[in-house]
Amino acid sequence: MLKAGFIGAGTVGTALAVLLSRKGYKVARVYDKNRSSAEKLVNSVSGCRVMGNSQQVVDGAELTFITTPDSAIERVVARVKWSKGQSVVHCSGADSTDILENARKAGAMVGGFHPLQTFAGVQQAIDNIPGSAFAIEADEPLLKNLKKMAEALDGHWITLKASDKAAYHAAAVFASNYTVTLVKMATDLWKTFSIPTDQATKALLPLMRGTLHNIETIGIPQCLTGPIARGDAGTVRKHLNEIRKKVPELLFPYKELGLQTIPIALAKGKINKHQADEMEMLLRKK
């Protein structure tokens, strides 16, 4: 297995280093401008050493992970001397390997290796990464090695082109980040009948888990439920009236999400074109 090094010892870097070490990869060196972060990583990875600069990591590794904040990756790569036979990989979801161009020009192999997962903290990341999808952008033979690495982490992989990365990452934002926003909007509605956020969240989570289970087991569009799925324009009208009266700032997102839901309901086959048109008129009404 390739000897790995890490430049950047934040949540993603630390979690990947720990998990790769557990799977038999040699994680030999790490550097972070915050030495205490690097030391925390070393304390969790047997045989790993803290280096004084990025160059020392690269010089002692066959595969270097750049796990700094995305905005720093290109700058870090430009400051290091690369050579033929070395490999460098970043873990940005939105950026392509174009930001590793300085390494590519020097003869190094370059790649992207993005775990499609949420990283609220190191332990959460360690717990959540196994089983995740990994978005990989690389040429052979690095591509083959990164595929093996994803599989070693009990995950599965997809391959992307440089032109795919922004759309891929935007999809992740919809699925993960905006789920948080949707829960926030739902709990804001519960406040209108005097239920605090923590209690509302606790009550809504089983519903969300049930929805995710249905998405996983029966898929889209069959998993869709609710008033739009059954063509219940009367209930949608009640929702609109109540939101307009109590939390008017949620009126636009409710309407827009409803409009996006109508085609799913049609695809499920439980509503007809007339019902779909009726709900669309209702949701587009000013």
Protein backbone atom coordinates (compact mmCIF):
# COMPACT_ATOMS: atom_id res chain seq x y z
CA MET A 1 0.00 0.00 0.00
CA LEU A 2 1.11 3.56 -0.66
CA LYS A 3 2.84 5.49 2.13
CA ALA A 4 0.66 8.52 2.80
CA GLY A 5 1.25 11.97 4.23
CA PHE A 6 -1.17 14.72 5.17
CA ILE A 7 -0.86 18.47 4.82
CA GLY A 8 -3.70 19.77 6.96
CA ALA A 9 -4.85 18.12 10.17
CA GLY A 10 -8.42 19.36 10.42
CA THR A 11 -11.54 17.25 10.63
CA VAL A 12 -11.33 15.62 7.19
CA GLY A 13 -7.58 15.03 7.27
CA THR A 14 -7.59 13.56 10.75
CA ALA A 15 -10.57 11.29 10.08
CA LEU A 16 -9.08 9.97 6.83
CA ALA A 17 -5.66 9.45 8.40
CA VAL A 18 -7.16 7.48 11.30
CA LEU A 19 -9.36 5.32 9.07
CA LEU A 20 -6.63 4.63 6.50
CA SER A 21 -4.23 3.65 9.27
CA ARG A 22 -6.81 1.22 10.65
CA LYS A 23 -7.09 -0.35 7.20
CA GLY A 24 -3.35 -1.00 6.94
CA TYR A 25 -2.16 2.09 5.11
CA LYS A 26 1.06 3.62 6.39
CA VAL A 27 0.32 7.23 7.36
CA ALA A 28 3.85 8.45 7.93
CA ARG A 29 3.89 12.23 8.14
CA VAL A 30 1.65 15.21 8.83
CA TYR A 31 2.03 18.96 8.84
CA ASP A 32 -0.37 21.64 9.95
CA LYS A 33 0.43 25.28 10.66
CA ASN A 34 -1.37 24.68 13.95
CA ARG A 35 1.04 22.20 15.50
CA SER A 36 -1.42 21.11 18.18
CA SER A 37 -3.81 19.88 15.44
CA ALA A 38 -1.01 17.83 13.90
CA GLU A 39 -0.11 16.39 17.30
CA LYS A 40 -3.71 15.34 17.90
CA LEU A 41 -3.67 13.46 14.60
CA VAL A 42 -0.37 11.77 15.48
CA ASN A 43 -1.78 10.67 18.83
CA SER A 44 -4.45 8.72 16.94
CA VAL A 45 -2.25 7.24 14.21
CA SER A 46 0.52 4.83 15.14
CA GLY A 47 3.88 5.54 13.50
CA CYS A 48 2.97 8.99 12.21
CA ARG A 49 5.27 11.96 12.83
CA VAL A 50 4.71 15.71 12.91
CA MET A 51 6.78 17.57 10.31
CA GLY A 52 7.97 21.17 10.41
CA ASN A 53 6.72 22.10 6.96
CA SER A 54 4.77 20.84 3.95
CA GLN A 55 7.87 19.94 1.96
CA GLN A 56 8.98 17.44 4.57
CA VAL A 57 5.63 15.65 4.26
CA VAL A 58 5.88 15.45 0.48
CA ASP A 59 9.49 14.24 0.56
CA GLY A 60 8.58 11.32 2.80
CA ALA A 61 5.32 10.20 1.20
CA GLU A 62 4.31 8.45 -1.99
CA LEU A 63 0.81 9.92 -1.78
CA THR A 64 0.21 13.31 -0.19
CA PHE A 65 -3.26 14.41 0.84
CA ILE A 66 -3.89 18.16 0.87
CA THR A 67 -6.63 18.47 3.49
CA THR A 68 -6.42 22.18 4.19
CA PRO A 69 -9.41 24.49 3.69
CA ASP A 70 -10.31 24.56 -0.01
CA SER A 71 -9.19 28.17 -0.42
CA ALA A 72 -5.62 27.25 0.62
CA ILE A 73 -5.07 24.13 -1.53
CA GLU A 74 -3.71 25.83 -4.64
CA ARG A 75 -1.39 28.03 -2.58
CA VAL A 76 -0.03 25.05 -0.62
CA VAL A 77 0.66 23.08 -3.80
CA ALA A 78 2.46 26.03 -5.38
CA ARG A 79 4.87 26.31 -2.44
CA VAL A 80 6.05 22.70 -2.61
CA LYS A 81 8.60 21.13 -4.95
CA TRP A 82 7.09 18.08 -6.63
CA SER A 83 8.75 15.39 -8.68
CA LYS A 84 7.83 12.61 -11.07
CA GLY A 85 6.45 9.52 -9.37
CA GLN A 86 4.82 11.38 -6.51
CA SER A 87 1.05 11.63 -6.14
CA VAL A 88 -0.96 14.46 -4.62
CA VAL A 89 -4.67 14.38 -3.86
CA HIS A 90 -7.04 17.01 -2.53
CA CYS A 91 -10.34 16.33 -0.78
CA SER A 92 -12.37 19.30 -2.03
CA GLY A 93 -15.86 18.52 -3.23
CA ALA A 94 -16.27 21.58 -5.45
CA ASP A 95 -12.77 21.99 -6.93
CA SER A 96 -11.30 19.91 -9.73
CA THR A 97 -7.70 18.77 -10.05
CA ASP A 98 -7.00 22.00 -11.96
CA ILE A 99 -5.97 23.54 -8.63
CA LEU A 100 -3.14 20.97 -8.47
CA GLU A 101 -1.68 22.14 -11.79
CA ASN A 102 1.69 23.13 -10.30
CA ALA A 103 2.22 19.57 -9.13
CA ARG A 104 1.05 18.15 -12.46
CA LYS A 105 3.49 20.34 -14.38
CA ALA A 106 6.33 19.03 -12.20
CA GLY A 107 5.46 15.46 -13.15
CA ALA A 108 3.42 14.39 -10.14
CA MET A 109 0.16 12.49 -10.53
CA VAL A 110 -2.84 14.46 -9.27
CA GLY A 111 -6.27 13.48 -8.06
CA GLY A 112 -9.41 14.40 -6.15
CA PHE A 113 -10.78 12.15 -3.41
CA HIS A 114 -13.92 13.51 -1.79
CA PRO A 115 -15.87 11.56 0.83
CA LEU A 116 -19.54 12.39 0.26
CA GLN A 117 -20.28 12.86 3.92
CA THR A 118 -20.94 15.53 6.52
CA PHE A 119 -18.10 16.49 8.88
CA ALA A 120 -19.45 18.03 12.06
CA GLY A 121 -16.44 16.85 14.09
CA VAL A 122 -13.56 14.36 13.96
CA GLN A 123 -15.32 11.52 15.77
CA GLN A 124 -18.51 12.04 13.75
CA ALA A 125 -16.45 11.92 10.55
CA ILE A 126 -14.67 8.72 11.65
CA ASP A 127 -18.05 7.15 12.40
CA ASN A 128 -19.75 8.35 9.21
CA ILE A 129 -17.15 7.88 6.46
CA PRO A 130 -17.32 4.05 6.26
CA GLY A 131 -20.05 3.17 3.78
CA SER A 132 -19.95 6.57 2.09
CA ALA A 133 -19.53 7.33 -1.59
CA PHE A 134 -16.19 8.75 -2.71
CA ALA A 135 -16.01 11.07 -5.69
CA ILE A 136 -12.73 10.44 -7.50
CA GLU A 137 -11.07 12.46 -10.22
CA ALA A 138 -7.73 11.09 -11.43
CA ASP A 139 -5.90 9.39 -14.27
CA GLU A 140 -4.40 5.92 -14.16
CA PRO A 141 -2.56 4.50 -12.30
CA LEU A 142 -3.58 6.84 -9.45
CA LEU A 143 -7.25 6.29 -10.28
CA LYS A 144 -6.93 2.56 -9.58
CA ASN A 145 -5.21 3.23 -6.24
CA LEU A 146 -7.89 5.69 -5.12
CA LYS A 147 -10.65 3.25 -6.06
CA LYS A 148 -8.96 0.61 -3.90
CA MET A 149 -8.67 3.12 -1.09
CA ALA A 150 -12.40 3.91 -1.23
CA GLU A 151 -13.20 0.21 -1.12
CA ALA A 152 -10.79 -0.32 1.80
CA LEU A 153 -12.75 2.34 3.68
CA ASP A 154 -15.89 0.23 3.16
CA GLY A 155 -17.20 2.76 0.70
CA HIS A 156 -18.07 2.83 -2.98
CA TRP A 157 -16.74 5.21 -5.59
CA ILE A 158 -17.90 7.31 -8.51
CA THR A 159 -15.58 8.89 -11.05
CA LEU A 160 -15.98 12.52 -12.09
CA LYS A 161 -14.57 14.83 -14.73
CA ALA A 162 -13.35 18.30 -13.84
CA SER A 163 -16.50 19.78 -15.36
CA ASP A 164 -18.70 17.68 -13.05
CA LYS A 165 -17.38 18.89 -9.72
CA ALA A 166 -19.44 22.06 -9.11
CA ALA A 167 -22.75 20.34 -9.96
CA TYR A 168 -21.77 17.33 -7.83
CA HIS A 169 -21.03 19.57 -4.86
CA ALA A 170 -24.21 21.62 -5.32
CA ALA A 171 -26.17 18.36 -5.15
CA ALA A 172 -24.44 17.56 -1.86
CA VAL A 173 -25.48 20.96 -0.52
CA PHE A 174 -29.12 20.22 -1.40
CA ALA A 175 -29.00 16.80 0.24
CA SER A 176 -27.08 17.73 3.38
CA ASN A 177 -26.79 21.43 4.18
CA TYR A 178 -30.26 22.40 3.07
CA THR A 179 -31.75 19.56 5.07
CA VAL A 180 -30.61 21.53 8.11
CA THR A 181 -32.30 24.61 6.67
CA LEU A 182 -35.54 22.69 6.09
CA VAL A 183 -35.57 21.47 9.69
CA LYS A 184 -34.96 25.05 10.85
CA MET A 185 -37.98 26.22 8.82
CA ALA A 186 -40.12 23.40 10.19
CA THR A 187 -39.17 24.19 13.79
CA ASP A 188 -39.89 27.88 13.17
CA LEU A 189 -43.46 26.88 12.30
CA TRP A 190 -43.70 24.84 15.50
CA LYS A 191 -42.76 27.97 17.46
CA THR A 192 -46.06 29.49 16.30
CA PHE A 193 -47.82 27.01 18.56
CA SER A 194 -45.32 27.44 21.40
CA ILE A 195 -43.15 24.35 20.89
CA PRO A 196 -39.44 25.20 21.37
CA THR A 197 -36.81 24.25 18.78
CA ASP A 198 -35.24 21.37 20.70
CA GLN A 199 -38.60 19.71 21.38
CA ALA A 200 -39.74 20.27 17.80
CA THR A 201 -36.53 18.77 16.43
CA LYS A 202 -36.91 15.69 18.63
CA ALA A 203 -40.47 15.22 17.39
CA LEU A 204 -39.58 15.71 13.71
CA LEU A 205 -36.52 13.43 13.59
CA PRO A 206 -38.46 10.12 13.51
CA LEU A 207 -40.46 11.49 10.57
CA MET A 208 -37.23 12.37 8.79
CA ARG A 209 -35.72 8.97 9.53
CA GLY A 210 -38.85 7.33 8.14
CA THR A 211 -38.57 9.42 4.99
CA LEU A 212 -34.92 8.46 4.52
CA HIS A 213 -35.79 4.81 5.06
CA ASN A 214 -38.49 5.04 2.39
CA ILE A 215 -36.10 6.75 -0.04
CA GLU A 216 -33.60 3.94 0.55
CA THR A 217 -36.02 1.03 0.36
CA ILE A 218 -38.62 2.01 -2.26
CA GLY A 219 -36.93 4.95 -3.97
CA ILE A 220 -38.10 8.10 -5.73
CA PRO A 221 -40.88 8.71 -6.79
CA GLN A 222 -42.72 5.95 -4.90
CA CYS A 223 -41.51 7.17 -1.49
CA LEU A 224 -43.24 10.56 -1.87
CA THR A 225 -46.13 11.14 0.54
CA GLY A 226 -48.13 14.16 1.65
CA PRO A 227 -50.76 16.47 0.19
CA ILE A 228 -49.12 17.02 -3.19
CA ALA A 229 -48.52 13.29 -3.62
CA ARG A 230 -52.24 12.65 -3.17
CA GLY A 231 -53.52 15.73 -5.02
CA ASP A 232 -54.93 17.39 -1.91
CA ALA A 233 -55.15 21.02 -3.03
CA GLY A 234 -57.38 21.89 -0.08
CA THR A 235 -54.66 21.07 2.43
CA VAL A 236 -52.05 22.94 0.42
CA ARG A 237 -54.36 25.98 0.43
CA LYS A 238 -54.68 25.77 4.23
CA HIS A 239 -50.88 25.61 4.53
CA LEU A 240 -50.44 28.67 2.36
CA ASN A 241 -52.98 30.70 4.31
CA GLU A 242 -51.46 29.75 7.67
CA ILE A 243 -47.86 30.40 6.60
CA ARG A 244 -48.84 33.74 5.04
CA LYS A 245 -50.44 34.76 8.32
CA LYS A 246 -47.89 33.45 10.82
CA VAL A 247 -44.46 33.06 9.15
CA PRO A 248 -44.66 34.92 5.82
CA GLU A 249 -40.93 34.57 5.13
CA LEU A 250 -41.50 30.83 4.64
CA LEU A 251 -44.15 31.34 1.96
CA PHE A 252 -41.71 31.52 -0.96
CA PRO A 253 -39.71 28.36 -0.05
CA TYR A 254 -42.93 26.43 0.62
CA LYS A 255 -44.29 27.38 -2.81
CA GLU A 256 -41.04 26.69 -4.64
CA LEU A 257 -40.54 23.30 -3.01
CA GLY A 258 -44.16 22.46 -3.76
CA LEU A 259 -43.68 23.28 -7.43
CA GLN A 260 -40.61 21.04 -7.53
CA THR A 261 -42.64 18.26 -5.89
CA ILE A 262 -45.49 18.20 -8.43
CA PRO A 263 -43.48 16.35 -11.14
CA ILE A 264 -42.48 13.72 -8.56
CA ALA A 265 -46.15 13.24 -7.65
CA LEU A 266 -47.04 12.85 -11.33
CA ALA A 267 -44.26 10.31 -11.79
CA LYS A 268 -45.60 8.33 -8.84
CA GLY A 269 -48.88 8.05 -10.71
CA LYS A 270 -51.26 8.92 -7.86
CA ILE A 271 -52.39 12.26 -9.31
CA ASN A 272 -53.56 13.21 -12.78
CA LYS A 273 -52.69 16.19 -14.98
CA HIS A 274 -55.77 18.12 -13.87
CA GLN A 275 -54.81 17.79 -10.19
CA ALA A 276 -51.23 18.77 -10.96
CA ASP A 277 -52.37 21.87 -12.86
CA GLU A 278 -54.68 22.86 -10.02
CA MET A 279 -51.87 22.69 -7.47
CA GLU A 280 -49.45 24.51 -9.75
CA MET A 281 -51.94 27.39 -10.14
CA LEU A 282 -52.37 27.49 -6.40
CA LEU A 283 -48.65 27.56 -5.69
CA ARG A 284 -47.95 30.21 -8.35
CA LYS A 285 -50.70 32.50 -7.16
CA LYS A 286 -49.40 35.75 -5.67
